[in-house]
Amino acid sequence: MKHTFVFENYVPKPKARPRKGQSGHFYSPSSAEENVLANLAWLQKHEAGFDTITENVFVSIIIESKKKLRGDTDNYVKFVFDALEKAQILKNDKQIKSFFFFCEEEAQNDKLSVFIRTETDFLVKLLEMLHK
């Protein structure tokens, strides 16, 4: 199983750092921008007509940006993972057992591409490539 999500003219924002609430507990702030990506992803999921993925998966994230990105790589990755869960593409982002991230800065266009494969499908393909 594999699914592809492409968002033209879109570059995600880095996920905000965890904050300490008044009660002393830490929380990860959600942003309106994260909701925008979740809504765009949900629309693509709805058009493709598939159910929420419940299996473990491998995710590839490719960002093409006209500008130099600010923020740490892990914050961009977490932003996308959280949006996939909010969009009900994944039941829980803990299902992501491995991932690939690539960012091309100073690209011709802004674009976010997300590729999701079941973990077993990915591992089978990887083993086939290694044994050629």
N, C-alpha and C. Protein backbone atom coordinates (compact mmCIF):
# COMPACT_ATOMS: atom_id res chain seq x y z
N MET A 1 0.85 -1.17 0.00
CA MET A 1 0.00 0.00 0.00
C MET A 1 0.89 1.23 0.00
N LYS A 2 0.57 2.18 -0.85
CA LYS A 2 1.28 3.45 -0.83
C LYS A 2 0.34 4.58 -1.20
N HIS A 3 0.58 5.71 -0.56
CA HIS A 3 -0.21 6.91 -0.81
C HIS A 3 0.73 8.08 -0.99
N THR A 4 0.35 8.99 -1.89
CA THR A 4 1.15 10.17 -2.18
C THR A 4 0.30 11.41 -1.99
N PHE A 5 0.87 12.38 -1.30
CA PHE A 5 0.21 13.67 -1.08
C PHE A 5 1.16 14.75 -1.56
N VAL A 6 0.68 15.59 -2.47
CA VAL A 6 1.51 16.68 -3.00
C VAL A 6 0.77 17.99 -2.78
N PHE A 7 1.50 18.95 -2.22
CA PHE A 7 0.93 20.27 -1.93
C PHE A 7 1.77 21.31 -2.66
N GLU A 8 1.27 21.74 -3.81
CA GLU A 8 1.98 22.75 -4.62
C GLU A 8 1.91 24.10 -3.92
N ASN A 9 2.93 24.91 -4.10
CA ASN A 9 3.00 26.26 -3.53
C ASN A 9 2.82 26.26 -2.02
N TYR A 10 3.35 25.24 -1.37
CA TYR A 10 3.19 25.13 0.09
C TYR A 10 4.50 24.64 0.72
N VAL A 11 4.93 25.35 1.74
CA VAL A 11 6.08 24.94 2.55
C VAL A 11 5.61 24.94 4.01
N PRO A 12 5.74 23.82 4.71
CA PRO A 12 5.27 23.79 6.10
C PRO A 12 6.12 24.68 7.01
N LYS A 13 5.52 25.05 8.12
CA LYS A 13 6.22 25.81 9.16
C LYS A 13 6.81 24.81 10.14
N PRO A 14 7.90 25.17 10.81
CA PRO A 14 8.42 24.24 11.82
C PRO A 14 7.49 24.17 13.02
N LYS A 15 7.38 23.00 13.60
CA LYS A 15 6.56 22.80 14.80
C LYS A 15 7.16 23.61 15.95
N ALA A 16 6.28 24.29 16.70
CA ALA A 16 6.74 25.09 17.85
C ALA A 16 7.27 24.18 18.94
N ARG A 17 8.20 24.68 19.69
CA ARG A 17 8.78 23.92 20.80
C ARG A 17 7.74 23.71 21.90
N PRO A 18 7.86 22.61 22.66
CA PRO A 18 6.92 22.37 23.77
C PRO A 18 6.96 23.51 24.79
N ARG A 19 5.82 23.79 25.39
CA ARG A 19 5.68 24.85 26.39
C ARG A 19 5.26 24.23 27.72
N LYS A 20 5.57 24.93 28.78
CA LYS A 20 5.16 24.50 30.11
C LYS A 20 3.91 25.27 30.49
N GLY A 21 2.82 24.54 30.77
CA GLY A 21 1.56 25.16 31.15
C GLY A 21 1.57 25.61 32.60
N GLN A 22 0.52 26.31 32.99
CA GLN A 22 0.40 26.82 34.36
C GLN A 22 0.36 25.68 35.38
N SER A 23 -0.15 24.54 34.95
CA SER A 23 -0.25 23.40 35.87
C SER A 23 1.09 22.68 36.04
N GLY A 24 2.10 23.09 35.27
CA GLY A 24 3.40 22.45 35.34
C GLY A 24 3.61 21.36 34.32
N HIS A 25 2.55 21.00 33.57
CA HIS A 25 2.64 19.98 32.53
C HIS A 25 3.12 20.62 31.23
N PHE A 26 3.81 19.84 30.42
CA PHE A 26 4.29 20.32 29.13
C PHE A 26 3.28 19.95 28.04
N TYR A 27 3.16 20.82 27.05
CA TYR A 27 2.27 20.56 25.92
C TYR A 27 2.93 21.10 24.66
N SER A 28 2.53 20.55 23.54
CA SER A 28 3.05 20.99 22.25
C SER A 28 2.00 21.87 21.59
N PRO A 29 2.27 23.15 21.41
CA PRO A 29 1.24 24.03 20.85
C PRO A 29 0.87 23.66 19.42
N SER A 30 -0.41 23.72 19.15
CA SER A 30 -0.92 23.49 17.80
C SER A 30 -1.04 24.85 17.12
N SER A 31 -0.92 24.86 15.83
CA SER A 31 -1.00 26.14 15.13
C SER A 31 -2.07 26.09 14.06
N ALA A 32 -2.53 27.27 13.67
CA ALA A 32 -3.51 27.36 12.59
C ALA A 32 -2.91 26.81 11.31
N GLU A 33 -1.61 27.00 11.12
CA GLU A 33 -0.92 26.51 9.92
C GLU A 33 -0.95 24.98 9.86
N GLU A 34 -0.82 24.34 11.02
CA GLU A 34 -0.90 22.87 11.07
C GLU A 34 -2.30 22.40 10.68
N ASN A 35 -3.31 23.14 11.11
CA ASN A 35 -4.69 22.81 10.75
C ASN A 35 -4.92 22.97 9.25
N VAL A 36 -4.29 23.97 8.64
CA VAL A 36 -4.41 24.17 7.19
C VAL A 36 -3.88 22.95 6.45
N LEU A 37 -2.67 22.51 6.83
CA LEU A 37 -2.10 21.33 6.18
C LEU A 37 -2.97 20.09 6.43
N ALA A 38 -3.47 19.93 7.65
CA ALA A 38 -4.33 18.78 7.95
C ALA A 38 -5.58 18.81 7.09
N ASN A 39 -6.18 19.96 6.90
CA ASN A 39 -7.38 20.06 6.06
C ASN A 39 -7.07 19.76 4.60
N LEU A 40 -5.95 20.26 4.10
CA LEU A 40 -5.56 19.96 2.71
C LEU A 40 -5.31 18.46 2.53
N ALA A 41 -4.64 17.86 3.50
CA ALA A 41 -4.37 16.41 3.43
C ALA A 41 -5.66 15.61 3.52
N TRP A 42 -6.58 16.03 4.40
CA TRP A 42 -7.85 15.33 4.54
C TRP A 42 -8.62 15.36 3.23
N LEU A 43 -8.61 16.50 2.54
CA LEU A 43 -9.31 16.60 1.25
C LEU A 43 -8.72 15.63 0.23
N GLN A 44 -7.39 15.52 0.18
CA GLN A 44 -6.77 14.58 -0.75
C GLN A 44 -7.11 13.13 -0.36
N LYS A 45 -7.13 12.86 0.93
CA LYS A 45 -7.49 11.51 1.40
C LYS A 45 -8.93 11.19 1.00
N HIS A 46 -9.82 12.15 1.20
CA HIS A 46 -11.24 11.97 0.86
C HIS A 46 -11.41 11.72 -0.64
N GLU A 47 -10.70 12.48 -1.46
CA GLU A 47 -10.78 12.29 -2.92
C GLU A 47 -10.26 10.92 -3.33
N ALA A 48 -9.20 10.44 -2.66
CA ALA A 48 -8.63 9.13 -2.98
C ALA A 48 -9.50 7.99 -2.45
N GLY A 49 -10.31 8.29 -1.42
CA GLY A 49 -11.26 7.31 -0.91
C GLY A 49 -10.66 6.15 -0.14
N PHE A 50 -9.72 6.42 0.75
CA PHE A 50 -9.19 5.33 1.56
C PHE A 50 -9.43 5.60 3.04
N ASP A 51 -9.43 4.52 3.83
CA ASP A 51 -9.66 4.62 5.26
C ASP A 51 -8.38 5.03 5.98
N THR A 52 -8.55 5.41 7.22
CA THR A 52 -7.40 5.75 8.06
C THR A 52 -6.45 4.56 8.13
N ILE A 53 -5.17 4.83 7.95
CA ILE A 53 -4.15 3.78 7.97
C ILE A 53 -3.89 3.37 9.42
N THR A 54 -3.93 2.06 9.68
CA THR A 54 -3.71 1.57 11.04
C THR A 54 -2.43 0.74 11.15
N GLU A 55 -1.77 0.49 10.02
CA GLU A 55 -0.54 -0.30 10.01
C GLU A 55 0.67 0.59 10.28
N ASN A 56 1.80 -0.02 10.62
CA ASN A 56 3.04 0.72 10.73
C ASN A 56 3.48 1.16 9.34
N VAL A 57 4.07 2.36 9.25
CA VAL A 57 4.39 2.92 7.95
C VAL A 57 5.80 3.52 7.90
N PHE A 58 6.26 3.70 6.67
CA PHE A 58 7.47 4.43 6.34
C PHE A 58 7.01 5.70 5.63
N VAL A 59 7.52 6.86 6.02
CA VAL A 59 7.08 8.13 5.44
C VAL A 59 8.29 8.86 4.84
N SER A 60 8.13 9.35 3.63
CA SER A 60 9.12 10.21 3.01
C SER A 60 8.54 11.61 2.90
N ILE A 61 9.31 12.61 3.32
CA ILE A 61 8.89 14.00 3.25
C ILE A 61 9.93 14.75 2.42
N ILE A 62 9.46 15.41 1.38
CA ILE A 62 10.35 16.21 0.54
C ILE A 62 9.80 17.62 0.47
N ILE A 63 10.61 18.57 0.90
CA ILE A 63 10.23 19.98 0.86
C ILE A 63 11.08 20.67 -0.19
N GLU A 64 10.42 21.38 -1.08
CA GLU A 64 11.11 22.26 -2.02
C GLU A 64 10.71 23.68 -1.65
N SER A 65 11.70 24.52 -1.41
CA SER A 65 11.42 25.88 -0.96
C SER A 65 12.22 26.90 -1.75
N LYS A 66 11.55 27.97 -2.14
CA LYS A 66 12.24 29.05 -2.85
C LYS A 66 13.25 29.75 -1.93
N LYS A 67 12.95 29.74 -0.63
CA LYS A 67 13.78 30.44 0.35
C LYS A 67 14.53 29.45 1.22
N LYS A 68 15.50 29.96 1.94
CA LYS A 68 16.20 29.15 2.93
C LYS A 68 15.26 28.94 4.11
N LEU A 69 15.15 27.71 4.58
CA LEU A 69 14.25 27.40 5.69
C LEU A 69 14.88 27.76 7.03
N ARG A 70 14.02 28.25 7.91
CA ARG A 70 14.44 28.50 9.29
C ARG A 70 13.88 27.38 10.15
N GLY A 71 14.54 27.07 11.20
CA GLY A 71 14.04 26.02 12.07
C GLY A 71 14.80 24.73 11.89
N ASP A 72 14.72 23.90 12.89
CA ASP A 72 15.40 22.61 12.88
C ASP A 72 14.61 21.59 12.06
N THR A 73 15.33 20.69 11.43
CA THR A 73 14.72 19.65 10.60
C THR A 73 13.65 18.88 11.36
N ASP A 74 13.94 18.48 12.61
CA ASP A 74 12.98 17.67 13.35
C ASP A 74 11.66 18.40 13.59
N ASN A 75 11.68 19.73 13.64
CA ASN A 75 10.43 20.48 13.83
C ASN A 75 9.57 20.48 12.57
N TYR A 76 10.17 20.45 11.39
CA TYR A 76 9.41 20.32 10.15
C TYR A 76 8.78 18.93 10.05
N VAL A 77 9.57 17.92 10.41
CA VAL A 77 9.09 16.53 10.36
C VAL A 77 7.90 16.36 11.31
N LYS A 78 8.03 16.83 12.55
CA LYS A 78 6.96 16.68 13.54
C LYS A 78 5.70 17.43 13.10
N PHE A 79 5.87 18.59 12.48
CA PHE A 79 4.73 19.36 11.96
C PHE A 79 3.93 18.52 10.97
N VAL A 80 4.63 17.87 10.03
CA VAL A 80 3.97 17.05 9.02
C VAL A 80 3.34 15.81 9.66
N PHE A 81 4.06 15.16 10.56
CA PHE A 81 3.52 13.96 11.23
C PHE A 81 2.22 14.30 11.97
N ASP A 82 2.21 15.39 12.71
CA ASP A 82 1.02 15.79 13.46
C ASP A 82 -0.15 16.12 12.53
N ALA A 83 0.14 16.75 11.40
CA ALA A 83 -0.91 17.06 10.43
C ALA A 83 -1.51 15.79 9.83
N LEU A 84 -0.67 14.76 9.58
CA LEU A 84 -1.17 13.48 9.05
C LEU A 84 -2.12 12.81 10.04
N GLU A 85 -1.81 12.95 11.32
CA GLU A 85 -2.70 12.38 12.34
C GLU A 85 -4.00 13.19 12.43
N LYS A 86 -3.89 14.52 12.42
CA LYS A 86 -5.09 15.37 12.50
C LYS A 86 -6.02 15.14 11.31
N ALA A 87 -5.42 14.87 10.15
CA ALA A 87 -6.20 14.64 8.93
C ALA A 87 -6.81 13.24 8.90
N GLN A 88 -6.53 12.44 9.90
CA GLN A 88 -7.00 11.06 10.01
C GLN A 88 -6.48 10.19 8.88
N ILE A 89 -5.30 10.55 8.37
CA ILE A 89 -4.62 9.69 7.41
C ILE A 89 -3.98 8.54 8.18
N LEU A 90 -3.37 8.89 9.31
CA LEU A 90 -2.82 7.89 10.23
C LEU A 90 -3.63 7.92 11.51
N LYS A 91 -3.81 6.75 12.10
CA LYS A 91 -4.53 6.70 13.38
C LYS A 91 -3.71 7.41 14.46
N ASN A 92 -2.39 7.19 14.43
CA ASN A 92 -1.50 7.80 15.41
C ASN A 92 -0.12 7.94 14.76
N ASP A 93 0.55 9.05 15.01
CA ASP A 93 1.85 9.21 14.36
C ASP A 93 2.92 8.27 14.95
N LYS A 94 2.57 7.51 15.99
CA LYS A 94 3.48 6.49 16.52
C LYS A 94 3.62 5.33 15.54
N GLN A 95 2.72 5.25 14.55
CA GLN A 95 2.79 4.20 13.53
C GLN A 95 3.97 4.41 12.60
N ILE A 96 4.52 5.60 12.59
CA ILE A 96 5.65 5.91 11.70
C ILE A 96 6.90 5.32 12.33
N LYS A 97 7.36 4.24 11.76
CA LYS A 97 8.51 3.51 12.33
C LYS A 97 9.83 3.92 11.69
N SER A 98 9.77 4.50 10.52
CA SER A 98 10.97 5.02 9.87
C SER A 98 10.55 6.10 8.89
N PHE A 99 11.48 7.02 8.63
CA PHE A 99 11.14 8.10 7.71
C PHE A 99 12.39 8.62 7.01
N PHE A 100 12.13 9.31 5.91
CA PHE A 100 13.16 9.98 5.13
C PHE A 100 12.75 11.43 4.98
N PHE A 101 13.70 12.34 5.13
CA PHE A 101 13.42 13.76 4.98
C PHE A 101 14.46 14.37 4.07
N PHE A 102 14.00 15.18 3.12
CA PHE A 102 14.91 15.90 2.24
C PHE A 102 14.35 17.29 2.00
N CYS A 103 15.21 18.28 2.03
CA CYS A 103 14.79 19.65 1.77
C CYS A 103 15.70 20.27 0.72
N GLU A 104 15.09 20.76 -0.34
CA GLU A 104 15.82 21.49 -1.37
C GLU A 104 15.50 22.97 -1.21
N GLU A 105 16.48 23.72 -0.76
CA GLU A 105 16.30 25.16 -0.60
C GLU A 105 16.67 25.87 -1.89
N GLU A 106 16.11 27.05 -2.08
CA GLU A 106 16.31 27.85 -3.28
C GLU A 106 15.86 27.09 -4.53
N ALA A 107 14.76 26.37 -4.39
CA ALA A 107 14.16 25.64 -5.52
C ALA A 107 13.37 26.62 -6.38
N GLN A 108 12.91 26.17 -7.53
CA GLN A 108 12.13 27.04 -8.41
C GLN A 108 10.74 27.30 -7.87
N ASN A 109 10.15 26.32 -7.18
CA ASN A 109 8.79 26.45 -6.65
C ASN A 109 8.73 25.91 -5.23
N ASP A 110 7.74 26.38 -4.48
CA ASP A 110 7.46 25.83 -3.16
C ASP A 110 6.58 24.59 -3.34
N LYS A 111 6.95 23.52 -2.63
CA LYS A 111 6.18 22.28 -2.77
C LYS A 111 6.50 21.35 -1.61
N LEU A 112 5.48 20.69 -1.11
CA LEU A 112 5.63 19.65 -0.09
C LEU A 112 5.10 18.35 -0.68
N SER A 113 5.90 17.31 -0.62
CA SER A 113 5.49 15.98 -1.08
C SER A 113 5.64 15.01 0.08
N VAL A 114 4.60 14.22 0.32
CA VAL A 114 4.61 13.22 1.39
C VAL A 114 4.23 11.88 0.78
N PHE A 115 5.09 10.89 0.99
CA PHE A 115 4.86 9.54 0.47
C PHE A 115 4.76 8.60 1.66
N ILE A 116 3.69 7.81 1.70
CA ILE A 116 3.46 6.87 2.80
C ILE A 116 3.39 5.47 2.23
N ARG A 117 4.17 4.56 2.82
CA ARG A 117 4.13 3.14 2.44
C ARG A 117 4.02 2.31 3.71
N THR A 118 3.36 1.18 3.59
CA THR A 118 3.35 0.29 4.75
C THR A 118 4.79 -0.14 5.00
N GLU A 119 5.11 -0.36 6.25
CA GLU A 119 6.48 -0.69 6.62
C GLU A 119 6.94 -1.97 5.93
N THR A 120 6.08 -2.97 5.86
CA THR A 120 6.48 -4.24 5.25
C THR A 120 6.74 -4.05 3.76
N ASP A 121 5.92 -3.25 3.08
CA ASP A 121 6.11 -2.97 1.66
C ASP A 121 7.46 -2.29 1.44
N PHE A 122 7.78 -1.33 2.28
CA PHE A 122 9.05 -0.62 2.16
C PHE A 122 10.22 -1.56 2.40
N LEU A 123 10.14 -2.40 3.44
CA LEU A 123 11.24 -3.30 3.76
C LEU A 123 11.47 -4.33 2.66
N VAL A 124 10.39 -4.83 2.07
CA VAL A 124 10.52 -5.78 0.97
C VAL A 124 11.25 -5.13 -0.20
N LYS A 125 10.86 -3.91 -0.56
CA LYS A 125 11.51 -3.20 -1.67
C LYS A 125 12.98 -2.93 -1.35
N LEU A 126 13.27 -2.54 -0.11
CA LEU A 126 14.65 -2.28 0.28
C LEU A 126 15.49 -3.53 0.18
N LEU A 127 14.98 -4.66 0.67
CA LEU A 127 15.71 -5.91 0.59
C LEU A 127 15.93 -6.34 -0.86
N GLU A 128 14.94 -6.12 -1.72
CA GLU A 128 15.10 -6.44 -3.14
C GLU A 128 16.22 -5.63 -3.75
N MET A 129 16.29 -4.36 -3.40
CA MET A 129 17.35 -3.49 -3.94
C MET A 129 18.72 -3.91 -3.43
N LEU A 130 18.82 -4.30 -2.17
CA LEU A 130 20.08 -4.68 -1.58
C LEU A 130 20.63 -5.98 -2.14
N HIS A 131 19.73 -6.87 -2.60
CA HIS A 131 20.14 -8.17 -3.08
C HIS A 131 20.26 -8.25 -4.60
N LYS A 132 20.27 -7.14 -5.27
CA LYS A 132 20.42 -7.15 -6.74
C LYS A 132 21.87 -7.31 -7.11
